[in-house]
Protein backbone atom coordinates (compact mmCIF):
# COMPACT_ATOMS: atom_id res chain seq x y z
CA MET A 1 29.10 18.52 -34.97
CA ALA A 2 30.29 15.34 -33.26
CA ALA A 3 31.05 12.43 -35.52
CA SER A 4 28.68 9.51 -35.43
CA THR A 5 30.41 6.31 -34.36
CA HIS A 6 27.45 3.94 -34.35
CA GLU A 7 23.69 3.54 -34.60
CA VAL A 8 21.60 2.90 -31.51
CA SER A 9 19.69 -0.33 -32.05
CA ASN A 10 18.34 -3.30 -30.14
CA GLN A 11 16.98 -1.03 -27.42
CA PRO A 12 13.32 -1.13 -26.28
CA PRO A 13 11.16 1.98 -26.59
CA PRO A 14 10.07 3.67 -23.35
CA LEU A 15 7.10 2.00 -21.69
CA GLN A 16 4.77 4.99 -21.87
CA GLY A 17 1.70 6.15 -23.71
CA TYR A 18 -0.27 3.11 -22.56
CA ASP A 19 -3.23 2.36 -20.29
CA VAL A 20 -1.76 1.05 -17.03
CA PHE A 21 -5.15 -0.26 -15.88
CA THR A 22 -6.49 -1.94 -19.00
CA ALA A 23 -3.12 -3.55 -19.77
CA ASP A 24 -3.18 -5.31 -16.39
CA ARG A 25 -5.41 -8.34 -16.91
CA ALA A 26 -5.15 -9.53 -13.32
CA LEU A 27 -6.32 -6.13 -12.09
CA THR A 28 -9.11 -5.62 -14.62
CA GLU A 29 -10.49 -9.10 -13.98
CA ALA A 30 -10.42 -8.54 -10.21
CA VAL A 31 -12.41 -5.34 -10.63
CA GLU A 32 -14.94 -7.11 -12.82
CA ARG A 33 -15.54 -9.98 -10.39
CA HIS A 34 -15.79 -7.83 -7.26
CA LEU A 35 -18.02 -5.01 -8.53
CA ALA A 36 -21.77 -5.04 -9.08
CA PRO A 37 -22.60 -5.38 -12.81
CA ASP A 38 -24.44 -2.06 -12.90
CA LEU A 39 -21.23 -0.26 -11.86
CA LEU A 40 -18.85 -1.92 -14.28
CA ASP A 41 -19.16 0.35 -17.32
CA GLU A 42 -18.73 3.48 -15.23
CA VAL A 43 -15.79 2.13 -13.24
CA ARG A 44 -14.02 0.63 -16.26
CA ALA A 45 -14.18 3.99 -18.04
CA GLU A 46 -13.01 5.84 -14.93
CA LEU A 47 -10.07 3.51 -14.29
CA SER A 48 -9.09 3.34 -17.94
CA ALA A 49 -8.87 7.13 -18.10
CA PHE A 50 -6.79 7.06 -14.94
CA GLY A 51 -4.63 4.30 -16.40
CA GLN A 52 -3.96 6.39 -19.49
CA THR A 53 -3.01 9.30 -17.26
CA ALA A 54 -0.62 7.09 -15.28
CA GLY A 55 0.94 5.73 -18.45
CA SER A 56 1.45 9.10 -20.10
CA ALA A 57 4.92 10.55 -20.64
CA GLN A 58 3.93 13.75 -18.85
CA VAL A 59 2.79 12.08 -15.64
CA GLN A 60 5.80 9.76 -15.62
CA GLU A 61 7.94 12.88 -15.82
CA TRP A 62 6.10 14.31 -12.82
CA GLY A 63 7.02 11.14 -10.92
CA ARG A 64 10.67 11.54 -11.82
CA LEU A 65 10.74 15.19 -10.83
CA ALA A 66 8.98 14.58 -7.52
CA ASN A 67 11.46 11.85 -6.65
CA GLU A 68 14.52 13.86 -7.67
CA ASN A 69 13.38 17.01 -5.82
CA PRO A 70 12.55 15.87 -2.28
CA PRO A 71 10.69 18.11 0.18
CA LYS A 72 12.49 20.79 2.17
CA LEU A 73 11.81 21.82 5.74
CA ARG A 74 11.31 25.54 6.48
CA THR A 75 11.32 25.95 10.24
CA HIS A 76 11.25 29.79 10.23
CA ASP A 77 10.23 32.60 7.93
CA ARG A 78 12.55 35.43 6.93
CA TYR A 79 11.66 37.41 10.06
CA GLY A 80 12.46 34.62 12.49
CA HIS A 81 8.91 33.47 13.13
CA ARG A 82 8.48 29.73 13.59
CA ILE A 83 6.40 28.35 10.70
CA ASP A 84 7.24 24.63 10.52
CA GLU A 85 6.34 24.18 6.87
CA VAL A 86 7.44 21.64 4.30
CA GLU A 87 8.00 22.80 0.74
CA PHE A 88 7.26 20.38 -2.10
CA HIS A 89 8.15 20.43 -5.78
CA PRO A 90 5.21 21.38 -8.04
CA ALA A 91 5.25 17.86 -9.50
CA TRP A 92 4.35 16.48 -6.06
CA HIS A 93 1.27 18.69 -5.88
CA ARG A 94 0.23 17.66 -9.38
CA LEU A 95 0.51 13.97 -8.50
CA LEU A 96 -1.29 14.32 -5.18
CA GLY A 97 -4.00 16.42 -6.78
CA LYS A 98 -4.59 13.76 -9.42
CA GLY A 99 -4.85 11.09 -6.75
CA VAL A 100 -7.40 13.08 -4.75
CA SER A 101 -9.48 13.96 -7.83
CA GLN A 102 -9.52 10.29 -8.82
CA GLY A 103 -11.21 9.42 -5.52
CA LEU A 104 -8.30 7.72 -3.79
CA THR A 105 -9.53 9.26 -0.53
CA ALA A 106 -13.25 8.81 -1.25
CA ALA A 107 -13.82 5.05 -0.93
CA TRP A 108 -16.21 5.38 2.01
CA THR A 109 -18.74 7.51 0.11
CA ARG A 110 -19.02 5.79 -3.30
CA PRO A 111 -20.70 2.55 -4.37
CA GLY A 112 -18.09 -0.16 -4.75
CA GLY A 113 -15.77 2.48 -3.37
CA HIS A 114 -13.08 0.27 -1.89
CA VAL A 115 -12.61 -1.92 -4.96
CA ARG A 116 -12.51 0.98 -7.39
CA ARG A 117 -10.16 2.87 -5.08
CA ALA A 118 -7.93 -0.18 -4.59
CA ALA A 119 -7.55 -0.59 -8.35
CA GLY A 120 -6.74 3.11 -8.68
CA PHE A 121 -4.21 2.87 -5.87
CA VAL A 122 -2.43 -0.03 -7.61
CA VAL A 123 -2.34 2.02 -10.82
CA TRP A 124 -1.08 5.20 -9.16
CA ALA A 125 1.62 3.44 -7.13
CA GLN A 126 3.28 2.65 -10.45
CA VAL A 127 3.92 6.34 -11.19
CA GLU A 128 5.50 7.55 -7.93
CA ALA A 129 4.69 5.79 -4.69
CA GLY A 130 5.58 8.66 -2.38
CA ASN A 131 2.27 10.50 -2.72
CA GLY A 132 0.48 7.31 -1.69
CA CYS A 133 1.23 8.08 1.96
CA PRO A 134 -1.07 11.14 2.41
CA LEU A 135 -3.68 9.49 0.18
CA SER A 136 -3.60 6.40 2.38
CA MET A 137 -3.61 8.29 5.70
CA THR A 138 -6.53 10.45 4.61
CA HIS A 139 -8.53 7.45 3.41
CA ALA A 140 -7.75 5.45 6.54
CA ALA A 141 -8.61 8.21 9.04
CA VAL A 142 -12.33 7.86 8.36
CA PRO A 143 -13.02 4.66 10.36
CA ALA A 144 -11.09 6.02 13.34
CA LEU A 145 -12.97 9.32 13.33
CA ARG A 146 -16.27 7.45 13.28
CA ALA A 147 -15.61 6.60 16.93
CA ASP A 148 -16.83 10.16 17.54
CA PRO A 149 -19.95 10.95 15.44
CA ASP A 150 -19.52 14.70 15.86
CA LEU A 151 -15.94 14.63 14.65
CA ALA A 152 -16.86 12.33 11.79
CA ALA A 153 -19.66 14.65 10.69
CA GLU A 154 -17.24 17.58 10.73
CA TRP A 155 -14.23 15.99 9.06
CA GLU A 156 -15.43 13.16 6.85
CA PRO A 157 -16.82 15.38 4.05
CA ARG A 158 -13.45 17.14 3.86
CA LEU A 159 -11.41 13.94 3.82
CA THR A 160 -13.55 12.28 1.16
CA SER A 161 -13.64 15.37 -1.04
CA GLN A 162 -12.22 14.95 -4.53
CA LEU A 163 -10.80 18.47 -4.48
CA TYR A 164 -7.16 18.98 -3.56
CA ASP A 165 -6.53 22.15 -1.55
CA TRP A 166 -2.98 22.43 -0.20
CA ASP A 167 -3.14 26.02 1.09
CA MET A 168 -2.46 26.65 4.78
CA ARG A 169 -5.94 27.58 6.00
CA PRO A 170 -8.19 26.24 8.75
CA ALA A 171 -9.88 23.08 7.52
CA ASP A 172 -13.38 24.51 7.70
CA ARG A 173 -12.40 27.04 5.03
CA LYS A 174 -11.02 24.46 2.58
CA ALA A 175 -12.59 22.47 -0.23
CA GLY A 176 -10.81 19.31 0.90
CA ALA A 177 -8.45 18.18 3.62
CA LEU A 178 -5.69 15.63 4.15
CA PHE A 179 -4.76 13.66 7.25
CA GLY A 180 -1.53 12.32 8.70
CA MET A 181 -0.76 10.11 11.65
CA GLY A 182 1.71 9.96 14.53
CA MET A 183 1.90 6.93 16.79
CA THR A 184 5.51 5.84 17.40
CA GLU A 185 8.00 7.47 19.72
CA LYS A 186 11.77 7.20 20.20
CA GLN A 187 11.66 4.93 23.21
CA GLY A 188 8.89 2.58 22.11
CA GLY A 189 8.61 2.19 18.35
CA SER A 190 5.90 -0.38 17.62
CA ASP A 191 5.24 -0.74 21.37
CA VAL A 192 2.91 2.25 21.43
CA ARG A 193 1.81 1.52 25.00
CA ALA A 194 5.29 2.72 25.99
CA ASN A 195 4.44 6.19 24.66
CA THR A 196 5.22 9.08 26.99
CA THR A 197 3.48 12.00 25.24
CA ALA A 198 1.13 13.42 27.87
CA ALA A 199 -2.38 14.79 27.34
CA ARG A 200 -3.71 17.24 29.94
CA PRO A 201 -7.47 17.91 29.92
CA LEU A 202 -8.56 21.50 29.27
CA ALA A 203 -11.70 23.25 30.47
CA GLU A 204 -13.69 22.54 27.30
CA ASP A 205 -15.01 18.99 27.30
CA GLY A 206 -13.04 16.67 25.01
CA THR A 207 -10.13 19.07 24.51
CA TYR A 208 -6.58 18.54 25.74
CA GLU A 209 -3.10 19.98 25.67
CA LEU A 210 -0.35 17.67 24.46
CA LYS A 211 3.32 17.63 25.43
CA GLY A 212 5.78 15.16 23.95
CA HIS A 213 7.02 13.96 20.58
CA LYS A 214 6.48 11.60 17.64
CA TRP A 215 9.48 9.87 16.08
CA PHE A 216 7.69 9.22 12.79
CA CYS A 217 4.92 11.55 11.68
CA SER A 218 3.49 10.83 8.26
CA ALA A 219 2.62 13.63 5.85
CA PRO A 220 3.46 16.57 8.18
CA MET A 221 1.80 19.20 5.98
CA SER A 222 -1.62 17.61 6.38
CA ASP A 223 -4.60 19.50 7.82
CA GLY A 224 -5.00 17.16 10.75
CA PHE A 225 -3.35 14.21 12.47
CA LEU A 226 -4.43 11.28 14.56
CA VAL A 227 -1.95 10.76 17.39
CA LEU A 228 -1.70 8.68 20.54
CA ALA A 229 -0.96 10.20 23.94
CA GLN A 230 -1.27 9.29 27.61
CA ALA A 231 -4.39 10.89 29.11
CA PRO A 232 -5.37 10.47 32.78
CA GLY A 233 -7.40 7.43 31.76
CA GLY A 234 -4.60 5.81 29.73
CA LEU A 235 -3.43 5.73 26.13
CA THR A 236 -5.91 7.74 24.06
CA CYS A 237 -6.41 8.80 20.45
CA PHE A 238 -6.45 12.51 19.62
CA LEU A 239 -7.09 14.71 16.60
CA VAL A 240 -4.44 17.43 16.24
CA PRO A 241 -5.36 20.13 13.70
CA ARG A 242 -2.50 21.83 11.87
CA LEU A 243 -4.22 25.22 12.18
CA LEU A 244 -6.64 26.30 14.88
CA ALA A 245 -10.11 27.60 14.08
CA ASP A 246 -8.99 31.24 14.38
CA GLY A 247 -6.28 30.68 11.76
CA THR A 248 -3.34 30.60 14.14
CA ARG A 249 -0.84 27.74 13.95
CA ASN A 250 -1.15 24.92 16.40
CA VAL A 251 2.09 24.02 18.18
CA PHE A 252 3.44 21.43 15.76
CA ARG A 253 7.21 21.73 15.71
CA ILE A 254 8.89 19.83 12.91
CA GLN A 255 12.37 19.02 14.18
CA ARG A 256 13.66 17.44 10.98
CA LEU A 257 12.65 15.36 7.98
CA LYS A 258 13.82 11.76 7.75
CA ASP A 259 16.52 11.03 5.18
CA LYS A 260 15.02 7.79 3.85
CA LEU A 261 16.25 4.99 1.65
CA GLY A 262 13.34 5.48 -0.74
CA ASN A 263 9.94 7.17 -0.69
CA ARG A 264 11.94 10.35 -1.08
CA SER A 265 9.24 12.53 -2.60
CA ASN A 266 7.20 12.14 0.59
CA ALA A 267 7.98 13.94 3.84
CA SER A 268 8.29 11.91 7.03
CA ALA A 269 9.04 14.02 10.08
CA GLU A 270 10.03 14.09 13.71
CA VAL A 271 7.67 16.44 15.54
CA GLU A 272 7.29 17.83 19.03
CA PHE A 273 4.19 18.95 20.90
CA ASP A 274 4.42 21.60 23.63
CA GLY A 275 1.03 22.97 24.60
CA THR A 276 -0.49 21.56 21.42
CA TRP A 277 -4.29 21.74 21.26
CA ALA A 278 -6.09 18.45 20.54
CA ARG A 279 -9.53 16.88 20.57
CA ARG A 280 -10.11 13.44 21.99
CA VAL A 281 -11.30 10.74 19.57
CA GLY A 282 -13.16 7.93 21.32
CA GLU A 283 -12.84 7.18 25.02
CA GLU A 284 -9.87 7.76 27.27
CA GLY A 285 -7.73 4.67 27.62
CA ARG A 286 -9.00 3.12 24.39
CA GLY A 287 -6.58 4.77 21.99
CA VAL A 288 -5.35 1.60 20.31
CA ARG A 289 -8.87 0.29 19.82
CA THR A 290 -9.91 3.65 18.35
CA ILE A 291 -7.02 3.99 15.92
CA ILE A 292 -6.90 0.32 14.90
CA GLY A 293 -9.41 0.92 12.11
CA MET A 294 -6.99 3.39 10.58
CA VAL A 295 -4.09 0.99 11.02
CA ALA A 296 -5.99 -1.86 9.34
CA ALA A 297 -6.93 0.30 6.35
CA THR A 298 -3.36 1.50 5.88
CA ARG A 299 -2.13 -2.11 6.07
CA VAL A 300 -4.39 -2.94 3.15
CA ASP A 301 -2.78 -0.05 1.31
CA CYS A 302 0.63 -1.57 2.06
CA VAL A 303 -0.55 -4.67 0.20
CA LEU A 304 -1.96 -2.62 -2.67
CA GLY A 305 1.11 -0.39 -2.88
CA SER A 306 3.40 -3.41 -3.03
CA ALA A 307 1.15 -4.98 -5.66
CA GLY A 308 1.51 -1.81 -7.73
CA LEU A 309 5.30 -1.80 -7.42
CA MET A 310 5.44 -5.48 -8.36
CA ARG A 311 3.22 -4.94 -11.37
CA GLN A 312 5.32 -2.07 -12.67
CA ALA A 313 8.53 -4.04 -12.18
CA VAL A 314 7.09 -7.02 -14.07
CA ALA A 315 5.71 -4.78 -16.81
CA GLN A 316 9.12 -3.17 -17.32
CA ALA A 317 10.87 -6.55 -17.39
CA VAL A 318 8.45 -8.13 -19.87
CA HIS A 319 8.49 -5.00 -22.03
CA HIS A 320 12.29 -4.97 -22.14
CA CYS A 321 12.54 -8.65 -22.99
CA THR A 322 9.94 -8.29 -25.74
CA TYR A 323 12.18 -5.90 -27.68
CA ARG A 324 15.67 -6.86 -26.60
CA GLU A 325 17.45 -9.49 -28.71
CA ALA A 326 20.40 -11.60 -27.58
CA PHE A 327 21.99 -14.87 -28.65
CA GLY A 328 20.00 -15.05 -31.86
CA GLY A 329 16.50 -14.12 -30.75
CA ARG A 330 14.23 -12.13 -28.43
CA LEU A 331 14.93 -12.52 -24.73
CA LEU A 332 11.21 -13.16 -24.27
CA ASP A 333 11.49 -16.35 -26.31
CA LYS A 334 14.45 -17.78 -24.42
CA PRO A 335 13.25 -20.66 -22.20
CA LEU A 336 15.23 -19.61 -19.15
CA MET A 337 14.20 -15.95 -19.34
CA ARG A 338 10.60 -17.02 -19.95
CA ASN A 339 10.77 -19.04 -16.73
CA VAL A 340 11.99 -15.99 -14.79
CA LEU A 341 9.32 -13.70 -16.25
CA ALA A 342 6.55 -16.22 -15.64
CA ASP A 343 7.64 -16.68 -12.03
CA LEU A 344 7.62 -12.92 -11.48
CA ALA A 345 4.22 -12.63 -13.15
CA LEU A 346 2.76 -15.28 -10.84
CA GLU A 347 3.94 -13.40 -7.76
CA SER A 348 2.53 -10.15 -9.08
CA GLU A 349 -0.85 -11.59 -10.01
CA ALA A 350 -1.21 -13.33 -6.65
CA ALA A 351 -0.52 -10.03 -4.86
CA THR A 352 -3.08 -8.18 -6.96
CA ALA A 353 -5.76 -10.84 -6.50
CA LEU A 354 -5.29 -10.80 -2.73
CA GLY A 355 -5.26 -7.00 -2.45
CA LEU A 356 -8.51 -6.62 -4.39
CA ARG A 357 -10.12 -9.41 -2.36
CA LEU A 358 -9.39 -7.44 0.82
CA ALA A 359 -10.93 -4.33 -0.73
CA ALA A 360 -14.05 -6.27 -1.69
CA ALA A 361 -14.43 -7.43 1.90
CA TYR A 362 -14.45 -3.78 3.01
CA ASP A 363 -17.18 -3.01 0.48
CA ASP A 364 -19.25 -5.97 1.68
CA GLY A 365 -18.99 -4.94 5.32
CA SER A 366 -20.79 -8.01 6.67
CA GLU A 367 -19.84 -9.58 9.98
CA ALA A 368 -18.35 -12.58 8.18
CA GLU A 369 -16.21 -10.37 5.96
CA ARG A 370 -15.03 -8.31 8.92
CA ALA A 371 -13.96 -11.54 10.60
CA PHE A 372 -12.16 -12.59 7.42
CA LEU A 373 -10.29 -9.27 7.31
CA ARG A 374 -9.14 -9.66 10.90
CA LEU A 375 -6.89 -12.55 9.89
CA ALA A 376 -6.38 -11.89 6.19
CA VAL A 377 -5.13 -8.29 6.48
CA PRO A 378 -2.08 -8.88 8.71
CA ALA A 379 -1.28 -12.14 6.90
CA ALA A 380 -1.44 -10.42 3.50
CA LYS A 381 0.49 -7.41 4.76
CA TYR A 382 3.21 -9.68 6.08
CA TRP A 383 3.63 -11.80 2.97
CA VAL A 384 2.94 -9.55 0.00
CA THR A 385 5.14 -6.73 1.25
CA LYS A 386 7.99 -9.16 1.93
CA ARG A 387 7.80 -10.56 -1.60
CA CYS A 388 8.10 -7.13 -3.16
CA THR A 389 11.84 -6.54 -2.77
CA PRO A 390 13.09 -9.87 -4.16
CA LEU A 391 10.68 -9.54 -7.07
CA VAL A 392 11.81 -6.02 -7.96
CA THR A 393 15.45 -7.07 -7.64
CA GLU A 394 14.96 -9.94 -10.07
CA ALA A 395 12.95 -7.79 -12.47
CA ALA A 396 15.74 -5.21 -12.54
CA GLU A 397 18.19 -7.97 -13.39
CA CYS A 398 16.09 -8.81 -16.46
CA LEU A 399 17.23 -5.46 -17.86
CA GLY A 400 20.86 -6.34 -17.23
CA GLY A 401 23.12 -3.39 -16.44
CA ASN A 402 20.41 -1.02 -17.69
CA GLY A 403 18.28 -2.03 -14.71
CA TYR A 404 20.97 -0.74 -12.35
CA VAL A 405 20.90 2.72 -13.92
CA GLU A 406 18.63 5.43 -12.51
CA GLU A 407 17.18 6.36 -15.90
CA SER A 408 15.54 2.94 -16.17
CA GLY A 409 13.34 3.68 -13.15
CA MET A 410 14.15 0.30 -11.63
CA PRO A 411 16.42 1.65 -8.85
CA ARG A 412 13.58 3.88 -7.68
CA LEU A 413 11.23 0.89 -7.54
CA LEU A 414 13.88 -1.09 -5.67
CA ARG A 415 14.44 1.64 -3.05
CA GLU A 416 10.70 1.88 -2.55
CA SER A 417 10.14 -1.87 -2.31
CA PRO A 418 11.04 -2.47 1.39
CA LEU A 419 8.92 0.37 2.74
CA ASN A 420 5.53 -1.31 2.91
CA SER A 421 7.03 -4.18 4.89
CA VAL A 422 8.25 -1.72 7.55
CA TRP A 423 5.38 0.80 7.53
CA GLU A 424 2.39 0.16 9.84
CA GLY A 425 4.15 -2.63 11.68
CA ALA A 426 7.09 -4.67 10.43
CA GLY A 427 6.98 -8.42 9.81
CA ASN A 428 7.07 -9.60 13.40
CA VAL A 429 4.31 -7.17 14.39
CA GLN A 430 2.08 -8.61 11.67
CA ALA A 431 2.90 -12.19 12.62
CA LEU A 432 2.09 -11.55 16.27
CA ASP A 433 -1.15 -9.84 15.27
CA VAL A 434 -2.15 -12.97 13.34
CA LEU A 435 -1.43 -15.07 16.45
CA ARG A 436 -3.66 -12.82 18.55
CA ALA A 437 -6.48 -13.26 16.07
CA LEU A 438 -6.02 -17.04 16.03
CA GLN A 439 -5.97 -17.29 19.82
CA ARG A 440 -8.67 -14.78 20.73
CA GLU A 441 -11.05 -14.57 17.76
CA PRO A 442 -12.10 -18.03 16.54
CA GLN A 443 -14.58 -16.46 14.13
CA ALA A 444 -11.61 -15.03 12.18
CA LEU A 445 -10.16 -18.48 11.50
CA ASN A 446 -13.61 -19.82 10.66
CA ALA A 447 -14.09 -17.05 8.10
CA TYR A 448 -10.66 -17.73 6.60
CA LEU A 449 -11.29 -21.48 6.33
CA THR A 450 -14.69 -20.83 4.76
CA GLU A 451 -12.98 -18.65 2.15
CA VAL A 452 -10.24 -21.08 1.17
CA GLY A 453 -12.59 -24.05 1.47
CA GLN A 454 -14.71 -22.84 -1.43
CA VAL A 455 -12.30 -24.49 -3.88
CA ARG A 456 -11.49 -27.68 -2.03
CA GLY A 457 -11.18 -30.53 -4.47
CA ALA A 458 -10.23 -28.28 -7.38
CA ASP A 459 -6.46 -28.76 -7.02
CA HIS A 460 -4.76 -31.52 -5.05
CA ARG A 461 -1.79 -29.31 -4.17
CA LEU A 462 -4.06 -26.69 -2.68
CA ASP A 463 -5.95 -29.39 -0.76
CA GLY A 464 -2.65 -30.69 0.60
CA ALA A 465 -1.55 -27.19 1.62
CA ILE A 466 -4.83 -26.62 3.48
CA LYS A 467 -4.39 -29.94 5.29
CA ASN A 468 -0.82 -29.07 6.29
CA LEU A 469 -1.93 -25.64 7.46
CA LEU A 470 -4.59 -27.18 9.71
CA THR A 471 -1.91 -29.42 11.19
CA GLU A 472 0.23 -26.36 11.93
CA LEU A 473 -2.72 -24.63 13.58
CA ALA A 474 -3.68 -27.66 15.65
CA ASP A 475 -0.48 -27.35 17.67
CA LEU A 476 -0.12 -23.86 19.10
CA GLU A 477 2.55 -24.88 21.63
CA GLY A 478 5.50 -22.54 21.19
CA VAL A 479 3.75 -20.99 18.21
CA GLU A 480 5.41 -17.58 18.56
CA ALA A 481 8.78 -18.93 17.46
CA ARG A 482 7.24 -20.31 14.27
CA ALA A 483 4.73 -17.52 13.73
CA ARG A 484 6.31 -16.39 10.46
CA ARG A 485 6.01 -19.89 9.03
CA VAL A 486 2.33 -20.05 9.99
CA VAL A 487 1.55 -16.63 8.54
CA GLU A 488 3.40 -17.40 5.32
CA ARG A 489 1.31 -20.54 4.86
CA LEU A 490 -1.90 -18.67 5.62
CA ALA A 491 -1.09 -16.09 2.93
CA LEU A 492 0.04 -18.62 0.31
CA VAL A 493 -3.01 -20.83 0.78
CA LEU A 494 -5.27 -17.81 0.48
CA GLN A 495 -3.51 -16.63 -2.68
CA GLY A 496 -3.66 -20.14 -4.13
CA SER A 497 -7.36 -20.43 -3.42
CA LEU A 498 -8.04 -17.12 -5.18
CA LEU A 499 -6.02 -18.09 -8.25
CA VAL A 500 -7.60 -21.55 -8.48
CA ARG A 501 -11.00 -19.93 -8.23
CA TYR A 502 -10.50 -17.02 -10.60
CA ALA A 503 -7.27 -17.10 -12.65
CA PRO A 504 -6.69 -18.89 -15.97
CA PRO A 505 -5.72 -22.58 -15.51
CA GLU A 506 -2.10 -22.02 -16.54
CA VAL A 507 -1.66 -19.37 -13.83
CA ALA A 508 -3.33 -21.39 -11.08
CA ASP A 509 -1.45 -24.54 -12.11
CA ALA A 510 1.93 -22.82 -12.00
CA PHE A 511 1.23 -21.14 -8.66
CA CYS A 512 0.02 -24.33 -6.99
CA ALA A 513 2.87 -26.42 -8.42
CA SER A 514 5.52 -24.02 -7.17
CA ARG A 515 4.23 -22.21 -4.08
CA LEU A 516 2.04 -24.99 -2.67
CA GLY A 517 3.33 -28.19 -4.29
CA GLY A 518 7.00 -27.62 -3.55
CA ASP A 519 8.19 -27.96 -7.17
CA TRP A 520 10.19 -24.76 -6.96
CA GLY A 521 13.68 -23.55 -6.19
CA THR A 522 14.82 -20.77 -3.90
CA ALA A 523 15.09 -18.06 -6.57
CA PHE A 524 12.74 -16.77 -9.26
CA GLY A 525 13.01 -18.64 -12.54
CA THR A 526 12.84 -22.14 -11.06
CA LEU A 527 9.31 -23.13 -12.10
CA PRO A 528 8.71 -26.63 -13.48
CA HIS A 529 9.61 -26.52 -17.18
CA THR A 530 6.54 -28.58 -18.14
CA LEU A 531 4.14 -25.74 -17.32
CA ASP A 532 2.57 -23.40 -19.90
CA LEU A 533 4.92 -20.55 -19.09
CA ALA A 534 4.48 -18.74 -22.41
CA SER A 535 0.79 -18.12 -21.64
CA VAL A 536 1.64 -16.83 -18.17
CA VAL A 537 4.13 -14.33 -19.61
CA GLU A 538 1.79 -13.26 -22.42
CA ARG A 539 -0.90 -12.49 -19.84
CA ALA A 540 1.54 -10.20 -18.01
CA HIS A 541 2.48 -8.18 -21.10
CA PRO A 542 1.82 -4.45 -20.54
CA VAL A 543 0.94 -3.53 -24.14
CA GLY A 544 -0.64 -5.28 -27.09
């Protein structure tokens, strides 16, 4: 027996065995304000049960195992037959199955579906973000498929099923199906109109044969994929099934899996098509317009996924500082650490409030809310996803050297944190999309101004920020070079308006003073010391 040299003390207990949903006041309050009263009891119970699942030691272990055992590509079977399959660790299937059964692909078929799904997505991103990709793709495929009523009638019940069926069978023989997506190619990247994959019409109406490649294909073991290819009439959207109706494998050659910085439990692939059977979705030449509904929905998930990562990072930091003592007292009670934690909590709450507001607009579905989403989605995607990495970095530092060690979980959050800023269009793509909306769709700006104008007069710093934003928008000369500045202001004003409208006074006051009033430094932990920072930190506490 080894001799004992010391006792382990002054270490926090693991943050587990708690309700991830109920402990998040910003999230629970957002659900309450955006859902119809008659749904609240049902949804609270549903999300609380899911939160307890997410916070359990067992499910957190699944997240660790899925991350540490990344997928493996099997191009051939033992006899030399091409199979192009990706093998996942059992923990991955358990996590993905939980997400499907919770309804994270079923928003389109349930009352209040987008808000309840958004809250669940934020919760589940805190366990292991990798399985969020197929959940997001499957959820987001529905609006694109609705461009073809026959395809929607065939596929939508499978995609919105709450049964996870990962076996390789034709989709019509499965209890549920998952979708992936392939748009970008080597030579074009975000410029999808530069795609070279060709689609040749076949004898059966609406069917084609594809030849070409996709540089990034999400979730390559899905049952179907939406891809873009050049048909005779121009760039067109197609549905590529993994297996054909007779059970044979479609030509879907997985060349390799990407070796990524983070998101390692999820498979991202390079694929080639060579005589691949596909069905057209929408009209020839209108591929971008057809698939844009899917892109918009996945961009909302980028916001929600980042909000989940932020929340978990803040929860870990606050939890650690609650138990850890240094220099004669708890870290939580030290004025400088309290300032850091409060600043992080503000960023996290603002991200959550904005993400749930976008989900509520989807549930509403009115023309005004669709116009609001046209501007708010790319602005939110730009800003929230960019704030994720610096927040997670600072939160890890709150744990000191422990935050740099894999066992803390913080390095995994940090590696994951840049992904949502890159996925579905990096920062410049989002900024340019906002400019297009401003220049071509005046109803989008009107809807945005109506939204933020609901709290005019409630905070002078918010009023000043709105005025400055209008000045920026009044001069669109050379706007592309300052597009990031414009989009940042759009997102911050929108977040400020939501917090002034809904958050406790101490949260709204601190956000407006720092983000809108300019009383802030260039790093977290530089809030005005006169604010009620203790209340902000207490609100962010994950337990008790």
